[in-house]
Amino acid sequence: MVKDIDPRKLGEIIEHVANLQINALKNASFAFDKTPSD
């Protein structure tokens, strides 16, 4: 829609978004390392 946008930089942004999604999904799991006996 917008003229004069650098497609290479836009590709880098989309790649950054993809990396953000991959890393966020990978890091969305947390584990509590204690047990009730502690």
Full PDB file with SEQRES, HELIX, SHEET, SSBOND, CRYST1, ORIGX, SCALE, CONECT and MASTER records, all heavy atoms in Angstrom:
SEQRES   1 A   38  MET VAL LYS ASP ILE ASP PRO ARG LYS LEU GLY GLU ILE          
SEQRES   2 A   38  ILE GLU HIS VAL ALA ASN LEU GLN ILE ASN ALA LEU LYS          
SEQRES   3 A   38  ASN ALA SER PHE ALA PHE ASP LYS THR PRO SER ASP              
HELIX    1 AA1 PRO A    7  LYS A   26  1                                  20    
CRYST1    1.000    1.000    1.000  90.00  90.00  90.00 P 1           1          
ORIGX1      1.000000  0.000000  0.000000        0.00000                         
ORIGX2      0.000000  1.000000  0.000000        0.00000                         
ORIGX3      0.000000  0.000000  1.000000        0.00000                         
SCALE1      1.000000  0.000000  0.000000        0.00000                         
SCALE2      0.000000  1.000000  0.000000        0.00000                         
SCALE3      0.000000  0.000000  1.000000        0.00000                         
ATOM      1  N   MET A   1       0.798  -1.225   0.000  1.00  0.00           N  
ATOM      2  CA  MET A   1       0.000   0.000   0.000  1.00  0.00           C  
ATOM      3  C   MET A   1       0.835   1.282   0.000  1.00  0.00           C  
ATOM      4  O   MET A   1       0.394   2.286  -0.531  1.00  0.00           O  
ATOM      5  CB  MET A   1      -0.920   0.027   1.218  1.00  0.00           C  
ATOM      6  CG  MET A   1      -1.854  -1.138   1.274  1.00  0.00           C  
ATOM      7  SD  MET A   1      -2.994  -1.076  -0.069  1.00  0.00           S  
ATOM      8  CE  MET A   1      -4.466  -1.609   0.703  1.00  0.00           C  
ATOM      9  N   VAL A   2       1.979   1.254   0.631  1.00  0.00           N  
ATOM     10  CA  VAL A   2       2.779   2.468   0.797  1.00  0.00           C  
ATOM     11  C   VAL A   2       3.996   2.393  -0.120  1.00  0.00           C  
ATOM     12  O   VAL A   2       4.730   1.410  -0.121  1.00  0.00           O  
ATOM     13  CB  VAL A   2       3.234   2.629   2.269  1.00  0.00           C  
ATOM     14  CG1 VAL A   2       4.081   3.866   2.436  1.00  0.00           C  
ATOM     15  CG2 VAL A   2       2.030   2.664   3.190  1.00  0.00           C  
ATOM     16  N   LYS A   3       4.179   3.455  -0.877  1.00  0.00           N  
ATOM     17  CA  LYS A   3       5.340   3.518  -1.765  1.00  0.00           C  
ATOM     18  C   LYS A   3       6.564   3.938  -0.962  1.00  0.00           C  
ATOM     19  O   LYS A   3       6.467   4.460   0.136  1.00  0.00           O  
ATOM     20  CB  LYS A   3       5.080   4.513  -2.888  1.00  0.00           C  
ATOM     21  CG  LYS A   3       3.942   4.109  -3.786  1.00  0.00           C  
ATOM     22  CD  LYS A   3       3.696   5.140  -4.835  1.00  0.00           C  
ATOM     23  CE  LYS A   3       2.502   4.720  -5.676  1.00  0.00           C  
ATOM     24  NZ  LYS A   3       2.173   5.717  -6.674  1.00  0.00           N  
ATOM     25  N   ASP A   4       7.710   3.721  -1.531  1.00  0.00           N  
ATOM     26  CA  ASP A   4       8.989   4.148  -0.958  1.00  0.00           C  
ATOM     27  C   ASP A   4       9.357   3.418   0.322  1.00  0.00           C  
ATOM     28  O   ASP A   4      10.029   3.969   1.191  1.00  0.00           O  
ATOM     29  CB  ASP A   4       9.016   5.659  -0.703  1.00  0.00           C  
ATOM     30  CG  ASP A   4       8.788   6.455  -1.979  1.00  0.00           C  
ATOM     31  OD1 ASP A   4       9.172   5.953  -3.052  1.00  0.00           O  
ATOM     32  OD2 ASP A   4       8.230   7.558  -1.884  1.00  0.00           O  
ATOM     33  N   ILE A   5       8.928   2.175   0.463  1.00  0.00           N  
ATOM     34  CA  ILE A   5       9.363   1.356   1.604  1.00  0.00           C  
ATOM     35  C   ILE A   5      10.427   0.401   1.098  1.00  0.00           C  
ATOM     36  O   ILE A   5      10.244  -0.259   0.073  1.00  0.00           O  
ATOM     37  CB  ILE A   5       8.188   0.583   2.225  1.00  0.00           C  
ATOM     38  CG1 ILE A   5       7.256   1.536   2.952  1.00  0.00           C  
ATOM     39  CG2 ILE A   5       8.687  -0.479   3.186  1.00  0.00           C  
ATOM     40  CD1 ILE A   5       6.110   0.867   3.660  1.00  0.00           C  
ATOM     41  N   ASP A   6      11.524   0.333   1.807  1.00  0.00           N  
ATOM     42  CA  ASP A   6      12.625  -0.551   1.435  1.00  0.00           C  
ATOM     43  C   ASP A   6      12.214  -2.002   1.689  1.00  0.00           C  
ATOM     44  O   ASP A   6      12.024  -2.400   2.846  1.00  0.00           O  
ATOM     45  CB  ASP A   6      13.869  -0.189   2.254  1.00  0.00           C  
ATOM     46  CG  ASP A   6      15.095  -0.980   1.855  1.00  0.00           C  
ATOM     47  OD1 ASP A   6      15.032  -1.693   0.831  1.00  0.00           O  
ATOM     48  OD2 ASP A   6      16.110  -0.875   2.559  1.00  0.00           O  
ATOM     49  N   PRO A   7      12.070  -2.816   0.644  1.00  0.00           N  
ATOM     50  CA  PRO A   7      11.621  -4.203   0.841  1.00  0.00           C  
ATOM     51  C   PRO A   7      12.619  -5.054   1.622  1.00  0.00           C  
ATOM     52  O   PRO A   7      12.233  -5.983   2.337  1.00  0.00           O  
ATOM     53  CB  PRO A   7      11.423  -4.737  -0.574  1.00  0.00           C  
ATOM     54  CG  PRO A   7      12.086  -3.791  -1.482  1.00  0.00           C  
ATOM     55  CD  PRO A   7      12.234  -2.489  -0.756  1.00  0.00           C  
ATOM     56  N   ARG A   8      13.901  -4.730   1.534  1.00  0.00           N  
ATOM     57  CA  ARG A   8      14.908  -5.489   2.280  1.00  0.00           C  
ATOM     58  C   ARG A   8      14.742  -5.271   3.781  1.00  0.00           C  
ATOM     59  O   ARG A   8      14.758  -6.221   4.565  1.00  0.00           O  
ATOM     60  CB  ARG A   8      16.312  -5.064   1.832  1.00  0.00           C  
ATOM     61  CG  ARG A   8      17.436  -5.869   2.478  1.00  0.00           C  
ATOM     62  CD  ARG A   8      18.803  -5.347   2.061  1.00  0.00           C  
ATOM     63  NE  ARG A   8      19.016  -3.942   2.339  1.00  0.00           N  
ATOM     64  CZ  ARG A   8      19.300  -3.439   3.538  1.00  0.00           C  
ATOM     65  NH1 ARG A   8      19.387  -4.218   4.582  1.00  0.00           N  
ATOM     66  NH2 ARG A   8      19.485  -2.149   3.703  1.00  0.00           N  
ATOM     67  N   LYS A   9      14.544  -4.025   4.168  1.00  0.00           N  
ATOM     68  CA  LYS A   9      14.344  -3.724   5.590  1.00  0.00           C  
ATOM     69  C   LYS A   9      13.023  -4.300   6.098  1.00  0.00           C  
ATOM     70  O   LYS A   9      12.940  -4.765   7.230  1.00  0.00           O  
ATOM     71  CB  LYS A   9      14.385  -2.212   5.835  1.00  0.00           C  
ATOM     72  CG  LYS A   9      15.773  -1.632   5.693  1.00  0.00           C  
ATOM     73  CD  LYS A   9      15.784  -0.163   5.998  1.00  0.00           C  
ATOM     74  CE  LYS A   9      17.183   0.408   5.825  1.00  0.00           C  
ATOM     75  NZ  LYS A   9      17.221   1.841   6.094  1.00  0.00           N  
ATOM     76  N   LEU A  10      12.015  -4.268   5.254  1.00  0.00           N  
ATOM     77  CA  LEU A  10      10.727  -4.858   5.638  1.00  0.00           C  
ATOM     78  C   LEU A  10      10.874  -6.365   5.824  1.00  0.00           C  
ATOM     79  O   LEU A  10      10.297  -6.937   6.748  1.00  0.00           O  
ATOM     80  CB  LEU A  10       9.664  -4.540   4.594  1.00  0.00           C  
ATOM     81  CG  LEU A  10       8.244  -4.869   4.986  1.00  0.00           C  
ATOM     82  CD1 LEU A  10       7.833  -4.053   6.199  1.00  0.00           C  
ATOM     83  CD2 LEU A  10       7.313  -4.608   3.840  1.00  0.00           C  
ATOM     84  N   GLY A  11      11.650  -7.004   4.981  1.00  0.00           N  
ATOM     85  CA  GLY A  11      11.931  -8.433   5.136  1.00  0.00           C  
ATOM     86  C   GLY A  11      12.638  -8.728   6.443  1.00  0.00           C  
ATOM     87  O   GLY A  11      12.358  -9.741   7.100  1.00  0.00           O  
ATOM     88  N   GLU A  12      13.559  -7.845   6.831  1.00  0.00           N  
ATOM     89  CA  GLU A  12      14.252  -8.013   8.111  1.00  0.00           C  
ATOM     90  C   GLU A  12      13.280  -7.895   9.280  1.00  0.00           C  
ATOM     91  O   GLU A  12      13.394  -8.617  10.268  1.00  0.00           O  
ATOM     92  CB  GLU A  12      15.370  -6.979   8.244  1.00  0.00           C  
ATOM     93  CG  GLU A  12      16.533  -7.201   7.318  1.00  0.00           C  
ATOM     94  CD  GLU A  12      17.540  -6.074   7.352  1.00  0.00           C  
ATOM     95  OE1 GLU A  12      17.363  -5.109   8.143  1.00  0.00           O  
ATOM     96  OE2 GLU A  12      18.510  -6.137   6.574  1.00  0.00           O  
ATOM     97  N   ILE A  13      12.322  -6.984   9.164  1.00  0.00           N  
ATOM     98  CA  ILE A  13      11.326  -6.814  10.226  1.00  0.00           C  
ATOM     99  C   ILE A  13      10.453  -8.062  10.333  1.00  0.00           C  
ATOM    100  O   ILE A  13      10.181  -8.554  11.431  1.00  0.00           O  
ATOM    101  CB  ILE A  13      10.482  -5.547   9.980  1.00  0.00           C  
ATOM    102  CG1 ILE A  13      11.337  -4.298  10.207  1.00  0.00           C  
ATOM    103  CG2 ILE A  13       9.257  -5.526  10.879  1.00  0.00           C  
ATOM    104  CD1 ILE A  13      10.679  -3.002   9.829  1.00  0.00           C  
ATOM    105  N   ILE A  14      10.026  -8.591   9.195  1.00  0.00           N  
ATOM    106  CA  ILE A  14       9.199  -9.800   9.215  1.00  0.00           C  
ATOM    107  C   ILE A  14       9.994 -10.978   9.780  1.00  0.00           C  
ATOM    108  O   ILE A  14       9.463 -11.794  10.535  1.00  0.00           O  
ATOM    109  CB  ILE A  14       8.647 -10.094   7.806  1.00  0.00           C  
ATOM    110  CG1 ILE A  14       7.651  -9.000   7.421  1.00  0.00           C  
ATOM    111  CG2 ILE A  14       7.987 -11.470   7.751  1.00  0.00           C  
ATOM    112  CD1 ILE A  14       7.165  -9.057   5.999  1.00  0.00           C  
ATOM    113  N   GLU A  15      11.271 -11.038   9.468  1.00  0.00           N  
ATOM    114  CA  GLU A  15      12.134 -12.082  10.036  1.00  0.00           C  
ATOM    115  C   GLU A  15      12.257 -11.906  11.552  1.00  0.00           C  
ATOM    116  O   GLU A  15      12.236 -12.885  12.294  1.00  0.00           O  
ATOM    117  CB  GLU A  15      13.515 -12.020   9.387  1.00  0.00           C  
ATOM    118  CG  GLU A  15      14.440 -13.115   9.836  1.00  0.00           C  
ATOM    119  CD  GLU A  15      15.788 -13.047   9.139  1.00  0.00           C  
ATOM    120  OE1 GLU A  15      15.852 -12.551   7.999  1.00  0.00           O  
ATOM    121  OE2 GLU A  15      16.776 -13.503   9.737  1.00  0.00           O  
ATOM    122  N   HIS A  16      12.347 -10.669  12.006  1.00  0.00           N  
ATOM    123  CA  HIS A  16      12.406 -10.383  13.441  1.00  0.00           C  
ATOM    124  C   HIS A  16      11.112 -10.832  14.130  1.00  0.00           C  
ATOM    125  O   HIS A  16      11.141 -11.390  15.232  1.00  0.00           O  
ATOM    126  CB  HIS A  16      12.660  -8.897  13.650  1.00  0.00           C  
ATOM    127  CG  HIS A  16      12.978  -8.521  15.058  1.00  0.00           C  
ATOM    128  ND1 HIS A  16      13.157  -7.229  15.444  1.00  0.00           N  
ATOM    129  CD2 HIS A  16      13.147  -9.242  16.187  1.00  0.00           C  
ATOM    130  CE1 HIS A  16      13.406  -7.177  16.731  1.00  0.00           C  
ATOM    131  NE2 HIS A  16      13.398  -8.385  17.208  1.00  0.00           N  
ATOM    132  N   VAL A  17       9.981 -10.594  13.469  1.00  0.00           N  
ATOM    133  CA  VAL A  17       8.689 -11.033  14.013  1.00  0.00           C  
ATOM    134  C   VAL A  17       8.646 -12.556  14.108  1.00  0.00           C  
ATOM    135  O   VAL A  17       8.195 -13.113  15.111  1.00  0.00           O  
ATOM    136  CB  VAL A  17       7.514 -10.501  13.156  1.00  0.00           C  
ATOM    137  CG1 VAL A  17       6.204 -11.126  13.581  1.00  0.00           C  
ATOM    138  CG2 VAL A  17       7.432  -9.001  13.238  1.00  0.00           C  
ATOM    139  N   ALA A  18       9.128 -13.231  13.072  1.00  0.00           N  
ATOM    140  CA  ALA A  18       9.144 -14.699  13.080  1.00  0.00           C  
ATOM    141  C   ALA A  18      10.040 -15.225  14.206  1.00  0.00           C  
ATOM    142  O   ALA A  18       9.670 -16.173  14.916  1.00  0.00           O  
ATOM    143  CB  ALA A  18       9.609 -15.231  11.736  1.00  0.00           C  
ATOM    144  N   ASN A  19      11.193 -14.616  14.380  1.00  0.00           N  
ATOM    145  CA  ASN A  19      12.089 -15.033  15.472  1.00  0.00           C  
ATOM    146  C   ASN A  19      11.471 -14.757  16.833  1.00  0.00           C  
ATOM    147  O   ASN A  19      11.623 -15.559  17.763  1.00  0.00           O  
ATOM    148  CB  ASN A  19      13.440 -14.335  15.351  1.00  0.00           C  
ATOM    149  CG  ASN A  19      14.255 -14.862  14.207  1.00  0.00           C  
ATOM    150  OD1 ASN A  19      14.103 -16.004  13.787  1.00  0.00           O  
ATOM    151  ND2 ASN A  19      15.129 -14.024  13.668  1.00  0.00           N  
ATOM    152  N   LEU A  20      10.768 -13.632  16.944  1.00  0.00           N  
ATOM    153  CA  LEU A  20      10.081 -13.320  18.197  1.00  0.00           C  
ATOM    154  C   LEU A  20       9.052 -14.394  18.513  1.00  0.00           C  
ATOM    155  O   LEU A  20       8.962 -14.868  19.646  1.00  0.00           O  
ATOM    156  CB  LEU A  20       9.410 -11.951  18.120  1.00  0.00           C  
ATOM    157  CG  LEU A  20       8.508 -11.576  19.296  1.00  0.00           C  
ATOM    158  CD1 LEU A  20       9.308 -11.454  20.578  1.00  0.00           C  
ATOM    159  CD2 LEU A  20       7.765 -10.292  18.998  1.00  0.00           C  
ATOM    160  N   GLN A  21       8.277 -14.790  17.516  1.00  0.00           N  
ATOM    161  CA  GLN A  21       7.261 -15.818  17.738  1.00  0.00           C  
ATOM    162  C   GLN A  21       7.896 -17.147  18.137  1.00  0.00           C  
ATOM    163  O   GLN A  21       7.453 -17.783  19.098  1.00  0.00           O  
ATOM    164  CB  GLN A  21       6.411 -16.011  16.483  1.00  0.00           C  
ATOM    165  CG  GLN A  21       5.368 -17.091  16.642  1.00  0.00           C  
ATOM    166  CD  GLN A  21       4.462 -17.213  15.442  1.00  0.00           C  
ATOM    167  OE1 GLN A  21       4.285 -16.267  14.699  1.00  0.00           O  
ATOM    168  NE2 GLN A  21       3.889 -18.372  15.257  1.00  0.00           N  
ATOM    169  N   ILE A  22       8.931 -17.548  17.448  1.00  0.00           N  
ATOM    170  CA  ILE A  22       9.588 -18.821  17.766  1.00  0.00           C  
ATOM    171  C   ILE A  22      10.130 -18.795  19.187  1.00  0.00           C  
ATOM    172  O   ILE A  22       9.911 -19.730  19.967  1.00  0.00           O  
ATOM    173  CB  ILE A  22      10.715 -19.102  16.748  1.00  0.00           C  
ATOM    174  CG1 ILE A  22      10.111 -19.428  15.384  1.00  0.00           C  
ATOM    175  CG2 ILE A  22      11.605 -20.248  17.223  1.00  0.00           C  
ATOM    176  CD1 ILE A  22      11.122 -19.434  14.257  1.00  0.00           C  
ATOM    177  N   ASN A  23      10.828 -17.734  19.538  1.00  0.00           N  
ATOM    178  CA  ASN A  23      11.423 -17.645  20.879  1.00  0.00           C  
ATOM    179  C   ASN A  23      10.364 -17.521  21.968  1.00  0.00           C  
ATOM    180  O   ASN A  23      10.507 -18.101  23.042  1.00  0.00           O  
ATOM    181  CB  ASN A  23      12.408 -16.483  20.952  1.00  0.00           C  
ATOM    182  CG  ASN A  23      13.646 -16.739  20.136  1.00  0.00           C  
ATOM    183  OD1 ASN A  23      14.050 -17.877  19.936  1.00  0.00           O  
ATOM    184  ND2 ASN A  23      14.243 -15.681  19.632  1.00  0.00           N  
ATOM    185  N   ALA A  24       9.312 -16.763  21.694  1.00  0.00           N  
ATOM    186  CA  ALA A  24       8.257 -16.597  22.698  1.00  0.00           C  
ATOM    187  C   ALA A  24       7.528 -17.915  22.941  1.00  0.00           C  
ATOM    188  O   ALA A  24       7.240 -18.260  24.096  1.00  0.00           O  
ATOM    189  CB  ALA A  24       7.275 -15.520  22.263  1.00  0.00           C  
ATOM    190  N   LEU A  25       7.247 -18.658  21.882  1.00  0.00           N  
ATOM    191  CA  LEU A  25       6.579 -19.948  22.058  1.00  0.00           C  
ATOM    192  C   LEU A  25       7.477 -20.929  22.802  1.00  0.00           C  
ATOM    193  O   LEU A  25       7.005 -21.730  23.615  1.00  0.00           O  
ATOM    194  CB  LEU A  25       6.163 -20.525  20.704  1.00  0.00           C  
ATOM    195  CG  LEU A  25       5.045 -19.779  19.991  1.00  0.00           C  
ATOM    196  CD1 LEU A  25       4.830 -20.355  18.603  1.00  0.00           C  
ATOM    197  CD2 LEU A  25       3.764 -19.808  20.798  1.00  0.00           C  
ATOM    198  N   LYS A  26       8.763 -20.856  22.534  1.00  0.00           N  
ATOM    199  CA  LYS A  26       9.710 -21.743  23.204  1.00  0.00           C  
ATOM    200  C   LYS A  26       9.840 -21.399  24.684  1.00  0.00           C  
ATOM    201  O   LYS A  26       9.972 -22.290  25.526  1.00  0.00           O  
ATOM    202  CB  LYS A  26      11.073 -21.639  22.512  1.00  0.00           C  
ATOM    203  CG  LYS A  26      12.133 -22.558  23.064  1.00  0.00           C  
ATOM    204  CD  LYS A  26      13.407 -22.504  22.242  1.00  0.00           C  
ATOM    205  CE  LYS A  26      13.978 -21.115  22.218  1.00  0.00           C  
ATOM    206  NZ  LYS A  26      15.278 -21.009  21.551  1.00  0.00           N  
ATOM    207  N   ASN A  27       9.763 -20.107  25.002  1.00  0.00           N  
ATOM    208  CA  ASN A  27       9.960 -19.657  26.382  1.00  0.00           C  
ATOM    209  C   ASN A  27       8.666 -19.493  27.169  1.00  0.00           C  
ATOM    210  O   ASN A  27       8.688 -19.018  28.293  1.00  0.00           O  
ATOM    211  CB  ASN A  27      10.726 -18.334  26.395  1.00  0.00           C  
ATOM    212  CG  ASN A  27      12.123 -18.485  25.859  1.00  0.00           C  
ATOM    213  OD1 ASN A  27      12.738 -19.530  25.996  1.00  0.00           O  
ATOM    214  ND2 ASN A  27      12.627 -17.454  25.221  1.00  0.00           N  
ATOM    215  N   ALA A  28       7.549 -19.896  26.611  1.00  0.00           N  
ATOM    216  CA  ALA A  28       6.258 -19.712  27.280  1.00  0.00           C  
ATOM    217  C   ALA A  28       5.993 -20.763  28.351  1.00  0.00           C  
ATOM    218  O   ALA A  28       5.027 -20.664  29.086  1.00  0.00           O  
ATOM    219  CB  ALA A  28       5.127 -19.722  26.261  1.00  0.00           C  
ATOM    220  N   SER A  29       6.833 -21.756  28.457  1.00  0.00           N  
ATOM    221  CA  SER A  29       6.654 -22.802  29.460  1.00  0.00           C  
ATOM    222  C   SER A  29       7.579 -22.538  30.639  1.00  0.00           C  
ATOM    223  O   SER A  29       8.774 -22.299  30.466  1.00  0.00           O  
ATOM    224  CB  SER A  29       6.977 -24.170  28.865  1.00  0.00           C  
ATOM    225  OG  SER A  29       6.103 -24.468  27.823  1.00  0.00           O  
ATOM    226  N   PHE A  30       6.997 -22.605  31.831  1.00  0.00           N  
ATOM    227  CA  PHE A  30       7.762 -22.383  33.055  1.00  0.00           C  
ATOM    228  C   PHE A  30       7.589 -23.597  33.955  1.00  0.00           C  
ATOM    229  O   PHE A  30       6.534 -24.227  33.958  1.00  0.00           O  
ATOM    230  CB  PHE A  30       7.260 -21.144  33.806  1.00  0.00           C  
ATOM    231  CG  PHE A  30       7.195 -19.913  32.954  1.00  0.00           C  
ATOM    232  CD1 PHE A  30       5.987 -19.428  32.509  1.00  0.00           C  
ATOM    233  CD2 PHE A  30       8.341 -19.251  32.581  1.00  0.00           C  
ATOM    234  CE1 PHE A  30       5.908 -18.297  31.724  1.00  0.00           C  
ATOM    235  CE2 PHE A  30       8.284 -18.121  31.791  1.00  0.00           C  
ATOM    236  CZ  PHE A  30       7.065 -17.642  31.366  1.00  0.00           C  
ATOM    237  N   ALA A  31       8.608 -23.896  34.729  1.00  0.00           N  
ATOM    238  CA  ALA A  31       8.520 -25.023  35.656  1.00  0.00           C  
ATOM    239  C   ALA A  31       8.946 -24.557  37.047  1.00  0.00           C  
ATOM    240  O   ALA A  31       9.992 -23.928  37.214  1.00  0.00           O  
ATOM    241  CB  ALA A  31       9.418 -26.164  35.199  1.00  0.00           C  
ATOM    242  N   PHE A  32       8.130 -24.871  38.023  1.00  0.00           N  
ATOM    243  CA  PHE A  32       8.440 -24.565  39.414  1.00  0.00           C  
ATOM    244  C   PHE A  32       9.305 -25.708  39.935  1.00  0.00           C  
ATOM    245  O   PHE A  32       8.895 -26.864  39.911  1.00  0.00           O  
ATOM    246  CB  PHE A  32       7.143 -24.427  40.218  1.00  0.00           C  
ATOM    247  CG  PHE A  32       7.337 -23.957  41.632  1.00  0.00           C  
ATOM    248  CD1 PHE A  32       8.000 -22.775  41.903  1.00  0.00           C  
ATOM    249  CD2 PHE A  32       6.846 -24.694  42.690  1.00  0.00           C  
ATOM    250  CE1 PHE A  32       8.170 -22.328  43.201  1.00  0.00           C  
ATOM    251  CE2 PHE A  32       7.001 -24.256  43.991  1.00  0.00           C  
ATOM    252  CZ  PHE A  32       7.672 -23.070  44.241  1.00  0.00           C  
ATOM    253  N   ASP A  33      10.507 -25.394  40.382  1.00  0.00           N  
ATOM    254  CA  ASP A  33      11.481 -26.436  40.715  1.00  0.00           C  
ATOM    255  C   ASP A  33      11.413 -26.938  42.155  1.00  0.00           C  
ATOM    256  O   ASP A  33      12.280 -27.683  42.578  1.00  0.00           O  
ATOM    257  CB  ASP A  33      12.890 -25.952  40.399  1.00  0.00           C  
ATOM    258  CG  ASP A  33      13.265 -24.689  41.155  1.00  0.00           C  
ATOM    259  OD1 ASP A  33      12.368 -24.066  41.743  1.00  0.00           O  
ATOM    260  OD2 ASP A  33      14.454 -24.328  41.147  1.00  0.00           O  
ATOM    261  N   LYS A  34      10.410 -26.570  42.885  1.00  0.00           N  
ATOM    262  CA  LYS A  34      10.252 -27.037  44.271  1.00  0.00           C  
ATOM    263  C   LYS A  34       9.150 -28.093  44.330  1.00  0.00           C  
ATOM    264  O   LYS A  34       8.299 -28.182  43.458  1.00  0.00           O  
ATOM    265  CB  LYS A  34       9.874 -25.873  45.185  1.00  0.00           C  
ATOM    266  CG  LYS A  34      10.796 -24.682  45.122  1.00  0.00           C  
ATOM    267  CD  LYS A  34      12.046 -24.938  45.873  1.00  0.00           C  
ATOM    268  CE  LYS A  34      12.859 -23.640  45.868  1.00  0.00           C  
ATOM    269  NZ  LYS A  34      14.162 -23.781  46.360  1.00  0.00           N  
ATOM    270  N   THR A  35       9.158 -28.866  45.390  1.00  0.00           N  
ATOM    271  CA  THR A  35       8.107 -29.860  45.625  1.00  0.00           C  
ATOM    272  C   THR A  35       7.407 -29.516  46.939  1.00  0.00           C  
ATOM    273  O   THR A  35       7.963 -28.781  47.773  1.00  0.00           O  
ATOM    274  CB  THR A  35       8.686 -31.278  45.718  1.00  0.00           C  
ATOM    275  OG1 THR A  35       9.593 -31.341  46.815  1.00  0.00           O  
ATOM    276  CG2 THR A  35       9.411 -31.661  44.433  1.00  0.00           C  
ATOM    277  N   PRO A  36       6.201 -30.056  47.151  1.00  0.00           N  
ATOM    278  CA  PRO A  36       5.491 -29.757  48.405  1.00  0.00           C  
ATOM    279  C   PRO A  36       6.276 -30.160  49.648  1.00  0.00           C  
ATOM    280  O   PRO A  36       6.139 -29.541  50.703  1.00  0.00           O  
ATOM    281  CB  PRO A  36       4.205 -30.565  48.289  1.00  0.00           C  
ATOM    282  CG  PRO A  36       3.982 -30.686  46.824  1.00  0.00           C  
ATOM    283  CD  PRO A  36       5.348 -30.776  46.216  1.00  0.00           C  
ATOM    284  N   SER A  37       7.143 -31.160  49.530  1.00  0.00           N  
ATOM    285  CA  SER A  37       7.916 -31.582  50.701  1.00  0.00           C  
ATOM    286  C   SER A  37       8.990 -30.565  51.090  1.00  0.00           C  
ATOM    287  O   SER A  37       9.540 -30.626  52.197  1.00  0.00           O  
ATOM    288  CB  SER A  37       8.562 -32.943  50.445  1.00  0.00           C  
ATOM    289  OG  SER A  37       9.461 -32.869  49.353  1.00  0.00           O  
ATOM    290  N   ASP A  38       9.304 -29.612  50.209  1.00  0.00           N  
ATOM    291  CA  ASP A  38      10.270 -28.564  50.522  1.00  0.00           C  
ATOM    292  C   ASP A  38       9.686 -27.480  51.428  1.00  0.00           C  
ATOM    293  O   ASP A  38      10.420 -26.636  51.927  1.00  0.00           O  
ATOM    294  CB  ASP A  38      10.772 -27.905  49.233  1.00  0.00           C  
ATOM    295  CG  ASP A  38      11.590 -28.848  48.377  1.00  0.00           C  
ATOM    296  OD1 ASP A  38      12.130 -29.815  48.919  1.00  0.00           O  
ATOM    297  OD2 ASP A  38      11.669 -28.604  47.151  1.00  0.00           O  
TER     298      ASP A  38                                                      
MASTER        0    0    0    1    0    0    0    6  297    1    0    3          
END                                                                             
